[in-house]
């Protein structure tokens, strides 16, 4: 196996098992992407409801906070659209 083929193998097969979060954080500072109602700043009718809105990564598994975010998003959409 050559160095180049090993490099190609690693590039093509490496994946992460980390729970990606905090890439579109909720807040009011200049680095925040969504507000407290999950609405994206500067874009009408777009909400984000996943782990990316967490301002900081949780100390445990991210599944439970993501479920809560989804539930709250559902409640907000029901209220906003009178469903």
PDB file of N, CA and C in Angstrom:
ATOM      1  N   UNK A   1       0.849  -1.173   0.000  1.00  0.00           N
ATOM      2  CA  UNK A   1       0.000   0.000   0.000  1.00  0.00           C
ATOM      3  C   UNK A   1       0.895   1.237   0.000  1.00  0.00           C
ATOM      4  N   UNK A   2       0.600   2.149  -0.898  1.00  0.00           N
ATOM      5  CA  UNK A   2       1.390   3.368  -0.985  1.00  0.00           C
ATOM      6  C   UNK A   2       0.842   4.408  -0.013  1.00  0.00           C
ATOM      7  N   UNK A   3       1.634   5.417   0.232  1.00  0.00           N
ATOM      8  CA  UNK A   3       1.208   6.503   1.109  1.00  0.00           C
ATOM      9  C   UNK A   3      -0.022   7.198   0.516  1.00  0.00           C
ATOM     10  N   UNK A   4      -0.013   7.377  -0.787  1.00  0.00           N
ATOM     11  CA  UNK A   4      -1.143   8.039  -1.448  1.00  0.00           C
ATOM     12  C   UNK A   4      -2.423   7.218  -1.319  1.00  0.00           C
ATOM     13  N   UNK A   5      -2.338   5.899  -1.495  1.00  0.00           N
ATOM     14  CA  UNK A   5      -3.536   5.072  -1.372  1.00  0.00           C
ATOM     15  C   UNK A   5      -4.030   5.032   0.072  1.00  0.00           C
ATOM     16  N   UNK A   6      -3.111   5.046   1.023  1.00  0.00           N
ATOM     17  CA  UNK A   6      -3.498   5.098   2.430  1.00  0.00           C
ATOM     18  C   UNK A   6      -4.178   6.435   2.737  1.00  0.00           C
ATOM     19  N   UNK A   7      -3.632   7.503   2.205  1.00  0.00           N
ATOM     20  CA  UNK A   7      -4.221   8.828   2.393  1.00  0.00           C
ATOM     21  C   UNK A   7      -5.635   8.872   1.803  1.00  0.00           C
ATOM     22  N   UNK A   8      -5.809   8.314   0.613  1.00  0.00           N
ATOM     23  CA  UNK A   8      -7.138   8.267  -0.020  1.00  0.00           C
ATOM     24  C   UNK A   8      -8.109   7.429   0.797  1.00  0.00           C
ATOM     25  N   UNK A   9      -7.649   6.288   1.321  1.00  0.00           N
ATOM     26  CA  UNK A   9      -8.505   5.444   2.139  1.00  0.00           C
ATOM     27  C   UNK A   9      -8.992   6.192   3.373  1.00  0.00           C
ATOM     28  N   UNK A  10      -8.085   6.851   4.062  1.00  0.00           N
ATOM     29  CA  UNK A  10      -8.448   7.588   5.276  1.00  0.00           C
ATOM     30  C   UNK A  10      -9.421   8.711   4.925  1.00  0.00           C
ATOM     31  N   UNK A  11      -9.143   9.469   3.888  1.00  0.00           N
ATOM     32  CA  UNK A  11     -10.003  10.580   3.485  1.00  0.00           C
ATOM     33  C   UNK A  11     -11.409  10.090   3.139  1.00  0.00           C
ATOM     34  N   UNK A  12     -11.515   8.951   2.478  1.00  0.00           N
ATOM     35  CA  UNK A  12     -12.814   8.445   2.028  1.00  0.00           C
ATOM     36  C   UNK A  12     -13.600   7.685   3.091  1.00  0.00           C
ATOM     37  N   UNK A  13     -12.953   7.225   4.148  1.00  0.00           N
ATOM     38  CA  UNK A  13     -13.656   6.349   5.077  1.00  0.00           C
ATOM     39  C   UNK A  13     -13.788   6.869   6.504  1.00  0.00           C
ATOM     40  N   UNK A  14     -13.124   7.934   6.835  1.00  0.00           N
ATOM     41  CA  UNK A  14     -13.188   8.440   8.201  1.00  0.00           C
ATOM     42  C   UNK A  14     -14.501   9.179   8.412  1.00  0.00           C
ATOM     43  N   UNK A  15     -15.183   8.878   9.511  1.00  0.00           N
ATOM     44  CA  UNK A  15     -16.428   9.551   9.881  1.00  0.00           C
ATOM     45  C   UNK A  15     -16.355   9.926  11.355  1.00  0.00           C
ATOM     46  N   UNK A  16     -17.239  10.778  11.760  1.00  0.00           N
ATOM     47  CA  UNK A  16     -17.295  11.148  13.166  1.00  0.00           C
ATOM     48  C   UNK A  16     -18.500  10.482  13.822  1.00  0.00           C
ATOM     49  N   UNK A  17     -18.347  10.155  15.065  1.00  0.00           N
ATOM     50  CA  UNK A  17     -19.461   9.636  15.853  1.00  0.00           C
ATOM     51  C   UNK A  17     -19.851  10.633  16.932  1.00  0.00           C
ATOM     52  N   UNK A  18     -19.309  11.820  16.867  1.00  0.00           N
ATOM     53  CA  UNK A  18     -19.647  12.865  17.813  1.00  0.00           C
ATOM     54  C   UNK A  18     -21.016  13.417  17.473  1.00  0.00           C
ATOM     55  N   UNK A  19     -21.693  13.904  18.473  1.00  0.00           N
ATOM     56  CA  UNK A  19     -22.996  14.520  18.278  1.00  0.00           C
ATOM     57  C   UNK A  19     -22.762  15.987  17.953  1.00  0.00           C
ATOM     58  N   UNK A  20     -22.997  16.344  16.723  1.00  0.00           N
ATOM     59  CA  UNK A  20     -22.741  17.709  16.287  1.00  0.00           C
ATOM     60  C   UNK A  20     -23.785  18.652  16.876  1.00  0.00           C
ATOM     61  N   UNK A  21     -23.320  19.667  17.569  1.00  0.00           N
ATOM     62  CA  UNK A  21     -24.214  20.648  18.175  1.00  0.00           C
ATOM     63  C   UNK A  21     -23.556  22.021  18.117  1.00  0.00           C
ATOM     64  N   UNK A  22     -24.335  23.021  18.465  1.00  0.00           N
ATOM     65  CA  UNK A  22     -23.836  24.381  18.674  1.00  0.00           C
ATOM     66  C   UNK A  22     -23.354  25.077  17.406  1.00  0.00           C
ATOM     67  N   UNK A  23     -23.821  24.682  16.240  1.00  0.00           N
ATOM     68  CA  UNK A  23     -23.364  25.316  15.004  1.00  0.00           C
ATOM     69  C   UNK A  23     -24.261  26.464  14.567  1.00  0.00           C
ATOM     70  N   UNK A  24     -25.439  26.587  15.140  1.00  0.00           N
ATOM     71  CA  UNK A  24     -26.369  27.684  14.827  1.00  0.00           C
ATOM     72  C   UNK A  24     -27.017  28.122  16.130  1.00  0.00           C
ATOM     73  N   UNK A  25     -26.213  28.586  17.048  1.00  0.00           N
ATOM     74  CA  UNK A  25     -26.672  28.775  18.421  1.00  0.00           C
ATOM     75  C   UNK A  25     -27.786  29.793  18.601  1.00  0.00           C
ATOM     76  N   UNK A  26     -28.564  29.538  19.635  1.00  0.00           N
ATOM     77  CA  UNK A  26     -29.637  30.430  20.031  1.00  0.00           C
ATOM     78  C   UNK A  26     -29.067  31.476  20.983  1.00  0.00           C
ATOM     79  N   UNK A  27     -29.494  32.705  20.805  1.00  0.00           N
ATOM     80  CA  UNK A  27     -29.047  33.757  21.715  1.00  0.00           C
ATOM     81  C   UNK A  27     -29.299  35.131  21.133  1.00  0.00           C
ATOM     82  N   UNK A  28     -28.682  36.121  21.778  1.00  0.00           N
ATOM     83  CA  UNK A  28     -28.867  37.513  21.358  1.00  0.00           C
ATOM     84  C   UNK A  28     -27.562  38.197  20.988  1.00  0.00           C
ATOM     85  N   UNK A  29     -26.455  37.483  21.070  1.00  0.00           N
ATOM     86  CA  UNK A  29     -25.173  38.124  20.746  1.00  0.00           C
ATOM     87  C   UNK A  29     -24.897  38.058  19.242  1.00  0.00           C
ATOM     88  N   UNK A  30     -23.794  38.619  18.816  1.00  0.00           N
ATOM     89  CA  UNK A  30     -23.479  38.701  17.383  1.00  0.00           C
ATOM     90  C   UNK A  30     -23.183  37.347  16.745  1.00  0.00           C
ATOM     91  N   UNK A  31     -22.908  36.323  17.544  1.00  0.00           N
ATOM     92  CA  UNK A  31     -22.624  34.989  17.019  1.00  0.00           C
ATOM     93  C   UNK A  31     -23.864  34.094  16.976  1.00  0.00           C
ATOM     94  N   UNK A  32     -24.988  34.600  17.447  1.00  0.00           N
ATOM     95  CA  UNK A  32     -26.217  33.803  17.495  1.00  0.00           C
ATOM     96  C   UNK A  32     -26.914  33.778  16.146  1.00  0.00           C
ATOM     97  N   UNK A  33     -27.572  32.664  15.866  1.00  0.00           N
ATOM     98  CA  UNK A  33     -28.246  32.461  14.584  1.00  0.00           C
ATOM     99  C   UNK A  33     -29.762  32.464  14.748  1.00  0.00           C
ATOM    100  N   UNK A  34     -30.265  31.949  15.880  1.00  0.00           N
ATOM    101  CA  UNK A  34     -31.712  31.882  16.089  1.00  0.00           C
ATOM    102  C   UNK A  34     -32.108  32.575  17.383  1.00  0.00           C
ATOM    103  N   UNK A  35     -33.370  33.015  17.415  1.00  0.00           N
ATOM    104  CA  UNK A  35     -33.890  33.653  18.623  1.00  0.00           C
ATOM    105  C   UNK A  35     -34.591  32.619  19.505  1.00  0.00           C
ATOM    106  N   UNK A  36     -35.205  33.077  20.565  1.00  0.00           N
ATOM    107  CA  UNK A  36     -35.862  32.187  21.516  1.00  0.00           C
ATOM    108  C   UNK A  36     -37.080  31.464  20.972  1.00  0.00           C
ATOM    109  N   UNK A  37     -37.558  31.870  19.808  1.00  0.00           N
ATOM    110  CA  UNK A  37     -38.680  31.187  19.158  1.00  0.00           C
ATOM    111  C   UNK A  37     -38.190  30.328  17.993  1.00  0.00           C
ATOM    112  N   UNK A  38     -36.896  30.053  17.962  1.00  0.00           N
ATOM    113  CA  UNK A  38     -36.244  29.203  16.963  1.00  0.00           C
ATOM    114  C   UNK A  38     -36.223  29.815  15.561  1.00  0.00           C
ATOM    115  N   UNK A  39     -36.529  31.103  15.449  1.00  0.00           N
ATOM    116  CA  UNK A  39     -36.525  31.781  14.149  1.00  0.00           C
ATOM    117  C   UNK A  39     -35.121  32.256  13.804  1.00  0.00           C
ATOM    118  N   UNK A  40     -34.730  32.018  12.565  1.00  0.00           N
ATOM    119  CA  UNK A  40     -33.409  32.427  12.101  1.00  0.00           C
ATOM    120  C   UNK A  40     -33.409  33.933  11.889  1.00  0.00           C
ATOM    121  N   UNK A  41     -32.412  34.607  12.460  1.00  0.00           N
ATOM    122  CA  UNK A  41     -32.298  36.050  12.299  1.00  0.00           C
ATOM    123  C   UNK A  41     -32.110  36.409  10.824  1.00  0.00           C
ATOM    124  N   UNK A  42     -32.914  37.363  10.349  1.00  0.00           N
ATOM    125  CA  UNK A  42     -32.740  37.885   9.003  1.00  0.00           C
ATOM    126  C   UNK A  42     -33.375  37.076   7.892  1.00  0.00           C
ATOM    127  N   UNK A  43     -34.019  35.936   8.217  1.00  0.00           N
ATOM    128  CA  UNK A  43     -34.672  35.122   7.182  1.00  0.00           C
ATOM    129  C   UNK A  43     -36.096  34.831   7.645  1.00  0.00           C
ATOM    130  N   UNK A  44     -37.057  35.309   6.898  1.00  0.00           N
ATOM    131  CA  UNK A  44     -38.466  35.103   7.266  1.00  0.00           C
ATOM    132  C   UNK A  44     -38.866  33.644   7.087  1.00  0.00           C
ATOM    133  N   UNK A  45     -39.717  33.174   7.997  1.00  0.00           N
ATOM    134  CA  UNK A  45     -40.346  31.843   7.911  1.00  0.00           C
ATOM    135  C   UNK A  45     -39.372  30.675   7.938  1.00  0.00           C
ATOM    136  N   UNK A  46     -38.233  30.854   8.567  1.00  0.00           N
ATOM    137  CA  UNK A  46     -37.292  29.747   8.706  1.00  0.00           C
ATOM    138  C   UNK A  46     -36.963  29.563  10.181  1.00  0.00           C
ATOM    139  N   UNK A  47     -37.127  28.347  10.647  1.00  0.00           N
ATOM    140  CA  UNK A  47     -36.798  27.997  12.024  1.00  0.00           C
ATOM    141  C   UNK A  47     -35.808  26.843  12.014  1.00  0.00           C
ATOM    142  N   UNK A  48     -35.026  26.751  13.063  1.00  0.00           N
ATOM    143  CA  UNK A  48     -34.122  25.617  13.243  1.00  0.00           C
ATOM    144  C   UNK A  48     -34.515  24.941  14.541  1.00  0.00           C
ATOM    145  N   UNK A  49     -34.701  23.636  14.508  1.00  0.00           N
ATOM    146  CA  UNK A  49     -35.133  22.897  15.688  1.00  0.00           C
ATOM    147  C   UNK A  49     -34.336  21.605  15.804  1.00  0.00           C
ATOM    148  N   UNK A  50     -33.056  21.731  16.078  1.00  0.00           N
ATOM    149  CA  UNK A  50     -32.216  20.554  16.302  1.00  0.00           C
ATOM    150  C   UNK A  50     -31.082  20.920  17.254  1.00  0.00           C
ATOM    151  N   UNK A  51     -30.150  20.037  17.439  1.00  0.00           N
ATOM    152  CA  UNK A  51     -29.059  20.257  18.386  1.00  0.00           C
ATOM    153  C   UNK A  51     -28.146  21.408  18.038  1.00  0.00           C
ATOM    154  N   UNK A  52     -28.215  21.889  16.819  1.00  0.00           N
ATOM    155  CA  UNK A  52     -27.332  22.985  16.435  1.00  0.00           C
ATOM    156  C   UNK A  52     -27.653  24.280  17.171  1.00  0.00           C
ATOM    157  N   UNK A  53     -28.870  24.437  17.683  1.00  0.00           N
ATOM    158  CA  UNK A  53     -29.235  25.690  18.363  1.00  0.00           C
ATOM    159  C   UNK A  53     -28.716  25.781  19.790  1.00  0.00           C
ATOM    160  N   UNK A  54     -28.220  24.676  20.328  1.00  0.00           N
ATOM    161  CA  UNK A  54     -27.731  24.714  21.707  1.00  0.00           C
ATOM    162  C   UNK A  54     -26.534  25.665  21.799  1.00  0.00           C
ATOM    163  N   UNK A  55     -26.571  26.624  22.729  1.00  0.00           N
ATOM    164  CA  UNK A  55     -25.456  27.561  22.844  1.00  0.00           C
ATOM    165  C   UNK A  55     -24.175  26.894  23.367  1.00  0.00           C
ATOM    166  N   UNK A  56     -24.336  25.851  24.149  1.00  0.00           N
ATOM    167  CA  UNK A  56     -23.195  25.082  24.683  1.00  0.00           C
ATOM    168  C   UNK A  56     -23.536  23.612  24.604  1.00  0.00           C
ATOM    169  N   UNK A  57     -22.541  22.779  24.423  1.00  0.00           N
ATOM    170  CA  UNK A  57     -22.774  21.344  24.355  1.00  0.00           C
ATOM    171  C   UNK A  57     -23.151  20.823  25.744  1.00  0.00           C
ATOM    172  N   UNK A  58     -24.050  19.878  25.781  1.00  0.00           N
ATOM    173  CA  UNK A  58     -24.475  19.299  27.054  1.00  0.00           C
ATOM    174  C   UNK A  58     -23.400  18.372  27.599  1.00  0.00           C
ATOM    175  N   UNK A  59     -23.464  18.094  28.887  1.00  0.00           N
ATOM    176  CA  UNK A  59     -22.475  17.189  29.488  1.00  0.00           C
ATOM    177  C   UNK A  59     -22.849  15.733  29.278  1.00  0.00           C
ATOM    178  N   UNK A  60     -24.075  15.486  28.887  1.00  0.00           N
ATOM    179  CA  UNK A  60     -24.529  14.115  28.625  1.00  0.00           C
ATOM    180  C   UNK A  60     -24.858  13.931  27.163  1.00  0.00           C
ATOM    181  N   UNK A  61     -25.555  12.853  26.866  1.00  0.00           N
ATOM    182  CA  UNK A  61     -25.970  12.577  25.507  1.00  0.00           C
ATOM    183  C   UNK A  61     -26.903  13.673  25.013  1.00  0.00           C
ATOM    184  N   UNK A  62     -26.844  13.986  23.747  1.00  0.00           N
ATOM    185  CA  UNK A  62     -27.634  15.088  23.199  1.00  0.00           C
ATOM    186  C   UNK A  62     -29.059  14.697  22.806  1.00  0.00           C
ATOM    187  N   UNK A  63     -29.397  13.433  22.890  1.00  0.00           N
ATOM    188  CA  UNK A  63     -30.714  12.987  22.429  1.00  0.00           C
ATOM    189  C   UNK A  63     -31.864  13.643  23.206  1.00  0.00           C
ATOM    190  N   UNK A  64     -31.792  13.654  24.530  1.00  0.00           N
ATOM    191  CA  UNK A  64     -32.884  14.220  25.332  1.00  0.00           C
ATOM    192  C   UNK A  64     -33.081  15.714  25.059  1.00  0.00           C
ATOM    193  N   UNK A  65     -32.020  16.523  25.048  1.00  0.00           N
ATOM    194  CA  UNK A  65     -32.246  17.932  24.713  1.00  0.00           C
ATOM    195  C   UNK A  65     -32.834  18.124  23.314  1.00  0.00           C
ATOM    196  N   UNK A  66     -32.434  17.291  22.360  1.00  0.00           N
ATOM    197  CA  UNK A  66     -32.987  17.398  21.002  1.00  0.00           C
ATOM    198  C   UNK A  66     -34.469  17.065  20.980  1.00  0.00           C
ATOM    199  N   UNK A  67     -34.893  16.097  21.794  1.00  0.00           N
ATOM    200  CA  UNK A  67     -36.311  15.765  21.893  1.00  0.00           C
ATOM    201  C   UNK A  67     -37.079  16.960  22.454  1.00  0.00           C
ATOM    202  N   UNK A  68     -36.541  17.588  23.481  1.00  0.00           N
ATOM    203  CA  UNK A  68     -37.197  18.752  24.088  1.00  0.00           C
ATOM    204  C   UNK A  68     -37.274  19.897  23.079  1.00  0.00           C
ATOM    205  N   UNK A  69     -36.200  20.132  22.341  1.00  0.00           N
ATOM    206  CA  UNK A  69     -36.202  21.184  21.318  1.00  0.00           C
ATOM    207  C   UNK A  69     -37.302  20.893  20.290  1.00  0.00           C
ATOM    208  N   UNK A  70     -37.403  19.669  19.850  1.00  0.00           N
ATOM    209  CA  UNK A  70     -38.430  19.293  18.879  1.00  0.00           C
ATOM    210  C   UNK A  70     -39.836  19.462  19.420  1.00  0.00           C
ATOM    211  N   UNK A  71     -40.035  19.062  20.661  1.00  0.00           N
ATOM    212  CA  UNK A  71     -41.356  19.221  21.284  1.00  0.00           C
ATOM    213  C   UNK A  71     -41.738  20.693  21.394  1.00  0.00           C
ATOM    214  N   UNK A  72     -40.794  21.507  21.836  1.00  0.00           N
ATOM    215  CA  UNK A  72     -41.064  22.950  21.954  1.00  0.00           C
ATOM    216  C   UNK A  72     -41.326  23.566  20.587  1.00  0.00           C
ATOM    217  N   UNK A  73     -40.588  23.129  19.577  1.00  0.00           N
ATOM    218  CA  UNK A  73     -40.807  23.641  18.218  1.00  0.00           C
ATOM    219  C   UNK A  73     -42.226  23.311  17.761  1.00  0.00           C
ATOM    220  N   UNK A  74     -42.671  22.104  18.037  1.00  0.00           N
ATOM    221  CA  UNK A  74     -44.030  21.713  17.689  1.00  0.00           C
ATOM    222  C   UNK A  74     -45.063  22.579  18.377  1.00  0.00           C
ATOM    223  N   UNK A  75     -44.863  22.840  19.651  1.00  0.00           N
ATOM    224  CA  UNK A  75     -45.779  23.704  20.404  1.00  0.00           C
ATOM    225  C   UNK A  75     -45.804  25.119  19.826  1.00  0.00           C
ATOM    226  N   UNK A  76     -44.619  25.631  19.472  1.00  0.00           N
ATOM    227  CA  UNK A  76     -44.537  26.984  18.905  1.00  0.00           C
ATOM    228  C   UNK A  76     -45.251  27.064  17.564  1.00  0.00           C
ATOM    229  N   UNK A  77     -45.079  26.044  16.737  1.00  0.00           N
ATOM    230  CA  UNK A  77     -45.736  26.040  15.434  1.00  0.00           C
ATOM    231  C   UNK A  77     -47.247  25.909  15.579  1.00  0.00           C
ATOM    232  N   UNK A  78     -47.695  25.088  16.499  1.00  0.00           N
ATOM    233  CA  UNK A  78     -49.136  24.963  16.757  1.00  0.00           C
ATOM    234  C   UNK A  78     -49.721  26.300  17.178  1.00  0.00           C
ATOM    235  N   UNK A  79     -49.043  26.969  18.105  1.00  0.00           N
ATOM    236  CA  UNK A  79     -49.527  28.269  18.584  1.00  0.00           C
ATOM    237  C   UNK A  79     -49.494  29.322  17.483  1.00  0.00           C
ATOM    238  N   UNK A  80     -48.432  29.341  16.696  1.00  0.00           N
ATOM    239  CA  UNK A  80     -48.280  30.349  15.647  1.00  0.00           C
ATOM    240  C   UNK A  80     -49.303  30.197  14.530  1.00  0.00           C
ATOM    241  N   UNK A  81     -49.693  28.957  14.247  1.00  0.00           N
ATOM    242  CA  UNK A  81     -50.592  28.706  13.123  1.00  0.00           C
ATOM    243  C   UNK A  81     -51.995  28.268  13.552  1.00  0.00           C
ATOM    244  N   UNK A  82     -52.271  28.325  14.865  1.00  0.00           N
ATOM    245  CA  UNK A  82     -53.597  28.006  15.362  1.00  0.00           C
ATOM    246  C   UNK A  82     -54.036  26.584  15.068  1.00  0.00           C
ATOM    247  N   UNK A  83     -53.117  25.682  15.173  1.00  0.00           N
ATOM    248  CA  UNK A  83     -53.419  24.271  14.877  1.00  0.00           C
ATOM    249  C   UNK A  83     -53.942  23.592  16.122  1.00  0.00           C
TER     250      UNK A  83
END
